[in-house]
C-alpha atoms as a PDB file:
ATOM      1  CA  MET A   1     285.424 128.240 -46.284  1.00  0.00           C
ATOM      2  CA  ARG A   2     285.756 124.741 -47.720  1.00  0.00           C
ATOM      3  CA  ARG A   3     282.095 124.036 -46.906  1.00  0.00           C
ATOM      4  CA  ASP A   4     280.999 127.317 -48.579  1.00  0.00           C
ATOM      5  CA  ALA A   5     283.101 126.571 -51.623  1.00  0.00           C
ATOM      6  CA  SER A   6     281.651 123.070 -51.834  1.00  0.00           C
ATOM      7  CA  SER A   7     278.097 124.400 -51.608  1.00  0.00           C
ATOM      8  CA  LEU A   8     278.782 126.993 -54.269  1.00  0.00           C
ATOM      9  CA  CYS A   9     280.271 124.361 -56.531  1.00  0.00           C
ATOM     10  CA  GLY A  10     277.176 122.184 -56.060  1.00  0.00           C
ATOM     11  CA  ILE A  11     274.891 125.046 -56.989  1.00  0.00           C
ATOM     12  CA  VAL A  12     276.906 125.853 -60.091  1.00  0.00           C
ATOM     13  CA  LEU A  13     276.925 122.216 -61.140  1.00  0.00           C
ATOM     14  CA  GLY A  14     273.193 122.025 -60.512  1.00  0.00           C
ATOM     15  CA  PHE A  15     272.476 125.015 -62.712  1.00  0.00           C
ATOM     16  CA  GLY A  16     274.830 123.633 -65.306  1.00  0.00           C
ATOM     17  CA  TRP A  17     272.979 120.327 -65.305  1.00  0.00           C
ATOM     18  CA  ILE A  18     269.644 122.130 -65.732  1.00  0.00           C
ATOM     19  CA  ALA A  19     271.058 124.258 -68.537  1.00  0.00           C
ATOM     20  CA  LEU A  20     272.329 121.172 -70.301  1.00  0.00           C
ATOM     21  CA  GLY A  21     268.918 119.547 -69.891  1.00  0.00           C
ATOM     22  CA  THR A  22     267.019 122.480 -71.335  1.00  0.00           C
ATOM     23  CA  GLY A  23     265.612 121.628 -74.733  1.00  0.00           C
ATOM     24  CA  CYS A  24     264.172 123.390 -77.737  1.00  0.00           C
ATOM     25  CA  VAL A  25     260.790 122.267 -79.090  1.00  0.00           C
ATOM     26  CA  ALA A  26     259.416 123.283 -82.493  1.00  0.00           C
ATOM     27  CA  ILE A  27     255.674 123.926 -82.889  1.00  0.00           C
ATOM     28  CA  GLU A  28     254.390 123.461 -86.446  1.00  0.00           C
ATOM     29  CA  ALA A  29     251.913 125.717 -88.216  1.00  0.00           C
ATOM     30  CA  GLY A  30     248.310 124.833 -87.363  1.00  0.00           C
ATOM     31  CA  HIS A  31     249.391 123.447 -84.000  1.00  0.00           C
ATOM     32  CA  GLU A  32     249.671 124.695 -80.444  1.00  0.00           C
ATOM     33  CA  GLY A  33     252.060 123.497 -77.752  1.00  0.00           C
ATOM     34  CA  VAL A  34     250.660 122.930 -74.278  1.00  0.00           C
ATOM     35  CA  LEU A  35     253.314 123.090 -71.547  1.00  0.00           C
ATOM     36  CA  VAL A  36     252.824 120.653 -68.689  1.00  0.00           C
ATOM     37  CA  GLU A  37     255.206 121.552 -65.884  1.00  0.00           C
ATOM     38  CA  GLN A  38     256.469 118.801 -63.583  1.00  0.00           C
ATOM     39  CA  PRO A  39     259.077 120.340 -61.218  1.00  0.00           C
ATOM     40  CA  PHE A  40     261.475 118.034 -59.349  1.00  0.00           C
ATOM     41  CA  PHE A  41     262.110 119.978 -56.146  1.00  0.00           C
ATOM     42  CA  PHE A  42     259.782 122.931 -55.564  1.00  0.00           C
ATOM     43  CA  GLY A  43     256.845 124.895 -57.002  1.00  0.00           C
ATOM     44  CA  HIS A  44     253.554 123.694 -58.404  1.00  0.00           C
ATOM     45  CA  GLY A  45     253.252 121.713 -61.605  1.00  0.00           C
ATOM     46  CA  GLY A  46     250.353 121.663 -63.994  1.00  0.00           C
ATOM     47  CA  VAL A  47     249.212 122.907 -67.361  1.00  0.00           C
ATOM     48  CA  ASP A  48     250.341 126.335 -68.468  1.00  0.00           C
ATOM     49  CA  PRO A  49     247.109 128.210 -69.394  1.00  0.00           C
ATOM     50  CA  VAL A  50     248.848 130.047 -72.236  1.00  0.00           C
ATOM     51  CA  PRO A  51     249.608 127.827 -75.259  1.00  0.00           C
ATOM     52  CA  THR A  52     252.798 128.097 -77.272  1.00  0.00           C
ATOM     53  CA  LYS A  53     252.210 129.211 -80.838  1.00  0.00           C
ATOM     54  CA  THR A  54     254.061 128.336 -84.029  1.00  0.00           C
ATOM     55  CA  GLY A  55     257.840 128.477 -83.704  1.00  0.00           C
ATOM     56  CA  ARG A  56     260.511 127.214 -81.313  1.00  0.00           C
ATOM     57  CA  VAL A  57     260.307 127.328 -77.536  1.00  0.00           C
ATOM     58  CA  MET A  58     262.882 126.555 -74.869  1.00  0.00           C
ATOM     59  CA  VAL A  59     261.611 124.208 -72.191  1.00  0.00           C
ATOM     60  CA  ALA A  60     263.060 122.910 -68.952  1.00  0.00           C
ATOM     61  CA  PRO A  61     263.822 119.207 -68.640  1.00  0.00           C
ATOM     62  CA  THR A  62     260.907 118.866 -66.232  1.00  0.00           C
ATOM     63  CA  THR A  63     258.404 120.361 -68.663  1.00  0.00           C
ATOM     64  CA  LYS A  64     256.443 118.213 -71.090  1.00  0.00           C
ATOM     65  CA  VAL A  65     255.120 119.701 -74.325  1.00  0.00           C
ATOM     66  CA  VAL A  66     251.832 118.306 -75.651  1.00  0.00           C
ATOM     67  CA  ASP A  67     251.371 119.019 -79.355  1.00  0.00           C
ATOM     68  CA  VAL A  68     247.747 119.865 -80.228  1.00  0.00           C
ATOM     69  CA  ASP A  69     246.551 120.074 -83.826  1.00  0.00           C
ATOM     70  CA  ILE A  70     243.994 122.880 -83.997  1.00  0.00           C
ATOM     71  CA  ARG A  71     243.100 122.280 -87.631  1.00  0.00           C
ATOM     72  CA  PRO A  72     239.807 120.497 -88.539  1.00  0.00           C
ATOM     73  CA  ILE A  73     240.169 116.753 -88.017  1.00  0.00           C
ATOM     74  CA  GLN A  74     237.818 114.088 -89.360  1.00  0.00           C
ATOM     75  CA  TYR A  75     236.779 111.262 -87.026  1.00  0.00           C
ATOM     76  CA  SER A  76     235.135 108.356 -88.840  1.00  0.00           C
ATOM     77  CA  GLU A  77     232.830 105.625 -87.554  1.00  0.00           C
ATOM     78  CA  HIS A  78     231.401 102.564 -89.340  1.00  0.00           C
ATOM     79  CA  PHE A  79     227.877 101.319 -88.647  1.00  0.00           C
ATOM     80  CA  ASP A  80     225.978  98.082 -89.255  1.00  0.00           C
ATOM     81  CA  ILE A  81     222.601  98.687 -87.674  1.00  0.00           C
ATOM     82  CA  ILE A  82     218.882  98.002 -88.063  1.00  0.00           C
ATOM     83  CA  SER A  83     216.500 100.493 -89.683  1.00  0.00           C
ATOM     84  CA  ALA A  84     212.967 101.314 -88.499  1.00  0.00           C
ATOM     85  CA  GLU A  85     211.517  98.271 -90.283  1.00  0.00           C
ATOM     86  CA  ASN A  86     214.159  95.877 -88.886  1.00  0.00           C
ATOM     87  CA  ALA A  87     216.147  95.844 -92.131  1.00  0.00           C
ATOM     88  CA  PRO A  88     219.955  95.958 -91.789  1.00  0.00           C
ATOM     89  CA  VAL A  89     221.897  98.892 -93.242  1.00  0.00           C
ATOM     90  CA  SER A  90     225.594  99.666 -93.508  1.00  0.00           C
ATOM     91  CA  PHE A  91     227.297 103.077 -93.774  1.00  0.00           C
ATOM     92  CA  ASP A  92     230.008 105.403 -92.471  1.00  0.00           C
ATOM     93  CA  ALA A  93     229.533 108.629 -90.516  1.00  0.00           C
ATOM     94  CA  PHE A  94     232.095 111.368 -89.973  1.00  0.00           C
ATOM     95  CA  LEU A  95     232.454 114.050 -87.314  1.00  0.00           C
ATOM     96  CA  ILE A  96     234.674 116.954 -88.368  1.00  0.00           C
ATOM     97  CA  ALA A  97     235.819 119.286 -85.582  1.00  0.00           C
ATOM     98  CA  ASN A  98     238.783 121.381 -84.499  1.00  0.00           C
ATOM     99  CA  VAL A  99     240.162 122.544 -81.170  1.00  0.00           C
ATOM    100  CA  ILE A 100     239.390 126.240 -80.646  1.00  0.00           C
ATOM    101  CA  GLU A 101     242.515 128.341 -81.032  1.00  0.00           C
ATOM    102  CA  GLY A 102     243.975 129.333 -77.666  1.00  0.00           C
ATOM    103  CA  LYS A 103     241.839 126.735 -75.834  1.00  0.00           C
ATOM    104  CA  SER A 104     244.221 123.800 -76.176  1.00  0.00           C
ATOM    105  CA  PRO A 105     245.478 124.072 -72.544  1.00  0.00           C
ATOM    106  CA  GLU A 106     241.876 123.839 -71.288  1.00  0.00           C
ATOM    107  CA  LEU A 107     241.266 120.800 -73.497  1.00  0.00           C
ATOM    108  CA  ILE A 108     244.392 119.010 -72.278  1.00  0.00           C
ATOM    109  CA  SER A 109     243.711 119.911 -68.645  1.00  0.00           C
ATOM    110  CA  LYS A 110     240.106 118.654 -68.645  1.00  0.00           C
ATOM    111  CA  TYR A 111     239.972 115.941 -71.298  1.00  0.00           C
ATOM    112  CA  GLY A 112     243.518 115.050 -72.313  1.00  0.00           C
ATOM    113  CA  PRO A 113     244.927 114.697 -75.835  1.00  0.00           C
ATOM    114  CA  ASN A 114     242.516 111.847 -76.738  1.00  0.00           C
ATOM    115  CA  TRP A 115     239.384 113.880 -76.090  1.00  0.00           C
ATOM    116  CA  TYR A 116     237.368 112.320 -78.940  1.00  0.00           C
ATOM    117  CA  ALA A 117     238.043 108.684 -78.059  1.00  0.00           C
ATOM    118  CA  ASN A 118     237.564 109.270 -74.319  1.00  0.00           C
ATOM    119  CA  ASN A 119     234.667 111.729 -74.244  1.00  0.00           C
ATOM    120  CA  ALA A 120     232.890 111.987 -77.613  1.00  0.00           C
ATOM    121  CA  LYS A 121     233.082 108.754 -79.591  1.00  0.00           C
ATOM    122  CA  GLU A 122     230.357 106.722 -77.910  1.00  0.00           C
ATOM    123  CA  ALA A 123     228.029 109.715 -77.629  1.00  0.00           C
ATOM    124  CA  PHE A 124     228.458 110.427 -81.348  1.00  0.00           C
ATOM    125  CA  ARG A 125     227.767 106.792 -82.257  1.00  0.00           C
ATOM    126  CA  THR A 126     224.640 106.825 -80.082  1.00  0.00           C
ATOM    127  CA  PHE A 127     223.302 109.977 -81.746  1.00  0.00           C
ATOM    128  CA  VAL A 128     223.859 108.458 -85.194  1.00  0.00           C
ATOM    129  CA  ARG A 129     222.165 105.146 -84.350  1.00  0.00           C
ATOM    130  CA  GLU A 130     219.134 106.821 -82.786  1.00  0.00           C
ATOM    131  CA  GLU A 131     218.556 109.087 -85.792  1.00  0.00           C
ATOM    132  CA  VAL A 132     219.065 106.426 -88.467  1.00  0.00           C
ATOM    133  CA  GLN A 133     216.723 103.986 -86.747  1.00  0.00           C
ATOM    134  CA  LYS A 134     213.857 106.458 -87.173  1.00  0.00           C
ATOM    135  CA  TYR A 135     213.722 105.837 -90.945  1.00  0.00           C
ATOM    136  CA  PRO A 136     212.695 102.801 -93.027  1.00  0.00           C
ATOM    137  CA  LEU A 137     215.159 101.100 -95.385  1.00  0.00           C
ATOM    138  CA  PHE A 138     213.681 102.416 -98.639  1.00  0.00           C
ATOM    139  CA  GLN A 139     213.804 106.035 -97.476  1.00  0.00           C
ATOM    140  CA  LEU A 140     217.363 105.682 -96.176  1.00  0.00           C
ATOM    141  CA  THR A 141     218.663 104.207 -99.419  1.00  0.00           C
ATOM    142  CA  THR A 142     216.691 106.111-102.065  1.00  0.00           C
ATOM    143  CA  ASP A 143     215.526 109.502-100.754  1.00  0.00           C
ATOM    144  CA  PRO A 144     218.316 112.068-101.365  1.00  0.00           C
ATOM    145  CA  THR A 145     216.913 114.448 -98.717  1.00  0.00           C
ATOM    146  CA  THR A 146     217.088 111.892 -95.908  1.00  0.00           C
ATOM    147  CA  ARG A 147     220.881 112.066 -95.514  1.00  0.00           C
ATOM    148  CA  GLN A 148     220.748 115.845 -95.139  1.00  0.00           C
ATOM    149  CA  LYS A 149     218.057 115.503 -92.473  1.00  0.00           C
ATOM    150  CA  LEU A 150     220.196 112.969 -90.651  1.00  0.00           C
ATOM    151  CA  GLN A 151     223.290 115.163 -90.810  1.00  0.00           C
ATOM    152  CA  ASP A 152     221.442 118.205 -89.476  1.00  0.00           C
ATOM    153  CA  ALA A 153     219.800 116.278 -86.633  1.00  0.00           C
ATOM    154  CA  ILE A 154     223.020 114.525 -85.573  1.00  0.00           C
ATOM    155  CA  ALA A 155     225.011 117.777 -85.712  1.00  0.00           C
ATOM    156  CA  LYS A 156     222.451 119.434 -83.442  1.00  0.00           C
ATOM    157  CA  GLU A 157     222.706 116.579 -80.942  1.00  0.00           C
ATOM    158  CA  VAL A 158     226.505 116.711 -80.945  1.00  0.00           C
ATOM    159  CA  GLN A 159     226.560 120.486 -80.473  1.00  0.00           C
ATOM    160  CA  THR A 160     223.976 120.767 -77.694  1.00  0.00           C
ATOM    161  CA  LYS A 161     224.232 117.474 -75.801  1.00  0.00           C
ATOM    162  CA  LEU A 162     227.953 116.880 -76.110  1.00  0.00           C
ATOM    163  CA  ILE A 163     230.088 119.953 -76.853  1.00  0.00           C
ATOM    164  CA  GLU A 164     228.013 122.588 -75.044  1.00  0.00           C
ATOM    165  CA  LYS A 165     226.814 120.390 -72.185  1.00  0.00           C
ATOM    166  CA  GLN A 166     230.278 119.085 -71.321  1.00  0.00           C
ATOM    167  CA  GLY A 167     232.039 122.319 -72.202  1.00  0.00           C
ATOM    168  CA  ILE A 168     234.528 120.704 -74.566  1.00  0.00           C
ATOM    169  CA  PRO A 169     236.542 123.534 -76.184  1.00  0.00           C
ATOM    170  CA  VAL A 170     236.167 122.322 -79.769  1.00  0.00           C
ATOM    171  CA  ARG A 171     234.281 123.721 -82.752  1.00  0.00           C
ATOM    172  CA  LEU A 172     232.003 121.390 -84.701  1.00  0.00           C
ATOM    173  CA  ASN A 173     232.535 121.955 -88.420  1.00  0.00           C
ATOM    174  CA  ARG A 174     229.974 119.478 -89.705  1.00  0.00           C
ATOM    175  CA  VAL A 175     228.645 115.933 -89.592  1.00  0.00           C
ATOM    176  CA  VAL A 176     228.674 113.815 -92.749  1.00  0.00           C
ATOM    177  CA  VAL A 177     226.682 110.621 -93.299  1.00  0.00           C
ATOM    178  CA  GLY A 178     227.985 108.451 -96.127  1.00  0.00           C
ATOM    179  CA  SER A 179     225.940 106.405 -98.583  1.00  0.00           C
ATOM    180  CA  ILE A 180     223.543 104.115 -96.748  1.00  0.00           C
ATOM    181  CA  LEU A 181     223.277 100.649 -98.266  1.00  0.00           C
ATOM    182  CA  PRO A 182     221.704  97.344 -97.290  1.00  0.00           C
ATOM    183  CA  PRO A 183     224.052  94.337 -96.944  1.00  0.00           C
ATOM    184  CA  LYS A 184     225.454  92.786-100.129  1.00  0.00           C
ATOM    185  CA  GLY A 185     222.959  89.906-100.134  1.00  0.00           C
ATOM    186  CA  VAL A 186     220.042  92.314 -99.861  1.00  0.00           C
ATOM    187  CA  VAL A 187     221.448  94.443-102.696  1.00  0.00           C
ATOM    188  CA  GLU A 188     221.735  91.397-104.975  1.00  0.00           C
ATOM    189  CA  GLN A 189     218.211  90.291-104.144  1.00  0.00           C
ATOM    190  CA  THR A 190     216.882  93.791-104.789  1.00  0.00           C
ATOM    191  CA  THR A 191     218.731  93.924-108.118  1.00  0.00           C
ATOM    192  CA  GLN A 192     217.175  90.633-109.231  1.00  0.00           C
ATOM    193  CA  THR A 193     213.733  91.884-108.221  1.00  0.00           C
ATOM    194  CA  ILE A 194     214.210  95.049-110.271  1.00  0.00           C
ATOM    195  CA  ILE A 195     215.361  93.004-113.283  1.00  0.00           C
ATOM    196  CA  GLN A 196     212.304  90.748-113.050  1.00  0.00           C
ATOM    197  CA  GLU A 197     209.970  93.719-112.729  1.00  0.00           C
ATOM    198  CA  GLN A 198     211.575  95.333-115.779  1.00  0.00           C
ATOM    199  CA  ARG A 199     211.101  92.132-117.771  1.00  0.00           C
ATOM    200  CA  LYS A 200     207.426  92.101-116.838  1.00  0.00           C
ATOM    201  CA  ILE A 201     207.052  95.708-117.959  1.00  0.00           C
ATOM    202  CA  THR A 202     208.850  94.948-121.241  1.00  0.00           C
ATOM    203  CA  MET A 203     206.610  91.935-121.945  1.00  0.00           C
ATOM    204  CA  VAL A 204     203.470  93.920-121.196  1.00  0.00           C
ATOM    205  CA  GLU A 205     204.559  96.729-123.518  1.00  0.00           C
ATOM    206  CA  PHE A 206     205.441  94.199-126.260  1.00  0.00           C
ATOM    207  CA  GLN A 207     202.043  92.538-125.914  1.00  0.00           C
ATOM    208  CA  LYS A 208     200.312  95.899-126.129  1.00  0.00           C
ATOM    209  CA  ALA A 209     202.278  96.729-129.296  1.00  0.00           C
ATOM    210  CA  GLU A 210     201.327  93.396-130.893  1.00  0.00           C
ATOM    211  CA  GLU A 211     197.663  93.864-130.018  1.00  0.00           C
ATOM    212  CA  SER A 212     197.772  97.380-131.453  1.00  0.00           C
ATOM    213  CA  ARG A 213     199.395  96.123-134.684  1.00  0.00           C
ATOM    214  CA  GLU A 214     196.836  93.321-135.082  1.00  0.00           C
ATOM    215  CA  LYS A 215     194.005  95.754-134.463  1.00  0.00           C
ATOM    216  CA  ALA A 216     195.404  98.144-137.076  1.00  0.00           C
ATOM    217  CA  GLU A 217     195.717  95.324-139.641  1.00  0.00           C
ATOM    218  CA  LYS A 218     192.144  94.227-139.013  1.00  0.00           C
ATOM    219  CA  GLN A 219     190.897  97.773-139.399  1.00  0.00           C
ATOM    220  CA  ARG A 220     192.837  98.154-142.648  1.00  0.00           C
ATOM    221  CA  GLY A 221     191.420  94.839-143.923  1.00  0.00           C
ATOM    222  CA  ILE A 222     187.888  95.972-143.098  1.00  0.00           C
ATOM    223  CA  ALA A 223     188.497  99.284-144.857  1.00  0.00           C
ATOM    224  CA  ASP A 224     189.877  97.535-147.970  1.00  0.00           C
ATOM    225  CA  ARG A 225     186.896  95.200-148.162  1.00  0.00           C
ATOM    226  CA  ALA A 226     184.464  98.096-147.802  1.00  0.00           C
ATOM    227  CA  TYR A 227     186.352  99.950-150.534  1.00  0.00           C
ATOM    228  CA  ARG A 228     186.266  96.894-152.857  1.00  0.00           C
ATOM    229  CA  GLU A 229     182.568  96.355-152.276  1.00  0.00           C
ATOM    230  CA  SER A 230     181.833 100.022-152.927  1.00  0.00           C
ATOM    231  CA  LEU A 231     183.572  99.635-156.334  1.00  0.00           C
ATOM    232  CA  GLY A 232     181.716  96.399-157.092  1.00  0.00           C
ATOM    233  CA  LEU A 233     184.974  94.486-157.711  1.00  0.00           C
ATOM    234  CA  THR A 234     185.772  90.864-157.100  1.00  0.00           C
ATOM    235  CA  ALA A 235     188.707  89.944-154.903  1.00  0.00           C
ATOM    236  CA  PRO A 236     191.108  89.234-157.850  1.00  0.00           C
ATOM    237  CA  GLU A 237     190.032  92.481-159.549  1.00  0.00           C
ATOM    238  CA  PHE A 238     190.632  94.436-156.350  1.00  0.00           C
ATOM    239  CA  VAL A 239     194.091  92.856-156.021  1.00  0.00           C
ATOM    240  CA  ASP A 240     194.920  93.974-159.569  1.00  0.00           C
ATOM    241  CA  LEU A 241     193.658  97.464-158.772  1.00  0.00           C
ATOM    242  CA  ARG A 242     195.803  97.636-155.667  1.00  0.00           C
ATOM    243  CA  ARG A 243     198.840  96.480-157.645  1.00  0.00           C
ATOM    244  CA  ILE A 244     198.289  99.246-160.182  1.00  0.00           C
ATOM    245  CA  GLU A 245     197.925 101.803-157.384  1.00  0.00           C
ATOM    246  CA  VAL A 246     201.158 100.630-155.759  1.00  0.00           C
ATOM    247  CA  GLN A 247     202.991 100.770-159.085  1.00  0.00           C
ATOM    248  CA  LYS A 248     201.672 104.276-159.626  1.00  0.00           C
ATOM    249  CA  GLU A 249     202.965 105.370-156.218  1.00  0.00           C
ATOM    250  CA  ILE A 250     206.365 103.836-156.963  1.00  0.00           C
ATOM    251  CA  VAL A 251     206.641 105.623-160.309  1.00  0.00           C
ATOM    252  CA  GLN A 252     205.580 108.930-158.781  1.00  0.00           C
ATOM    253  CA  HIS A 253     208.365 108.681-156.215  1.00  0.00           C
ATOM    254  CA  SER A 254     210.938 107.249-158.632  1.00  0.00           C
ATOM    255  CA  PRO A 255     210.253 107.713-162.402  1.00  0.00           C
ATOM    256  CA  ALA A 256     213.168 105.404-163.256  1.00  0.00           C
ATOM    257  CA  ALA A 257     211.216 102.521-161.724  1.00  0.00           C
ATOM    258  CA  LEU A 258     208.766 102.750-164.700  1.00  0.00           C
ATOM    259  CA  THR A 259     211.376 101.170-166.992  1.00  0.00           C
ATOM    260  CA  VAL A 260     211.861  98.301-164.556  1.00  0.00           C
ATOM    261  CA  ILE A 261     208.125  97.694-164.195  1.00  0.00           C
ATOM    262  CA  MET A 262     207.529  97.761-167.973  1.00  0.00           C
ATOM    263  CA  GLY A 263     210.482  95.419-168.511  1.00  0.00           C
ATOM    264  CA  LEU A 264     209.146  92.927-166.022  1.00  0.00           C
ATOM    265  CA  GLU A 265     205.686  92.941-167.618  1.00  0.00           C
ATOM    266  CA  ARG A 266     207.232  92.678-171.130  1.00  0.00           C
ATOM    267  CA  VAL A 267     208.868  89.357-170.198  1.00  0.00           C
ATOM    268  CA  GLY A 268     205.718  88.158-168.515  1.00  0.00           C
ATOM    269  CA  ILE A 269     206.698  88.826-164.893  1.00  0.00           C
ATOM    270  CA  ASN A 270     204.038  90.643-162.985  1.00  0.00           C
ATOM    271  CA  MET A 271     204.641  92.615-159.859  1.00  0.00           C
ATOM    272  CA  PRO A 272     203.841  90.457-156.834  1.00  0.00           C
ATOM    273  CA  PRO A 273     200.212  90.986-155.910  1.00  0.00           C
ATOM    274  CA  LEU A 274     199.345  92.324-152.493  1.00  0.00           C
ATOM    275  CA  ALA A 275     197.162  90.110-150.390  1.00  0.00           C
ATOM    276  CA  SER A 276     193.780  91.451-149.481  1.00  0.00           C
ATOM    277  CA  GLY A 277     193.913  93.475-146.303  1.00  0.00           C
ATOM    278  CA  GLN A 278     197.504  94.697-146.826  1.00  0.00           C
END
């Protein structure tokens, strides 16, 4: 009887110890809990194929709960690589994906909680490098359609050659390629080249304007001389005629100017003559 009582006491204490060790785990919204059972004495451990949803769950002391965020997560990578014409470029690329709801136990069982770092990172970087290296520097940095082409091509590679081929239970939301720029030294050199080219264009346009103005003045001078000769006037007489014509135009636009002109001539001050050809 003492042996039976001792055995019974041990069993009760054992269950009491287990009860005391039982814990409560809270699963946040947008997450799933994957139960990994690790029994001490009997039974088979492993990943429970049914995930725990939002809320609280009681777990045995031998059960581990892996928290899996099933919301879209952005994984970023930085690149310093060579373009098709051996010119260096620098940019960031982002892979945005989420674990498929209800598939978190499969993900943990096959790939573990660090599925991206262990199974997708290097493949994603390879896809990005291979696509970017197909384009020359100028097209990568100036053509707005090139980034969209890159994003579409990389996303297709990730979906078919990585997610579908390996059977990773995640959903690819999209791939984003950031602004592609040459290194700082190349940018500064390019800026100086653009400035110099703009100066050349400005000087050419200024020279054209000056040549056009000189040509117009010569044409006006030729026209004035032809007009003077048709009237049979000498150069001083033509200058006087032009002064009278200018004064007439001034008075027509502003009658009050007549008083000023007459006053100037009354005191012996003539209006400044216009040189021939003006």
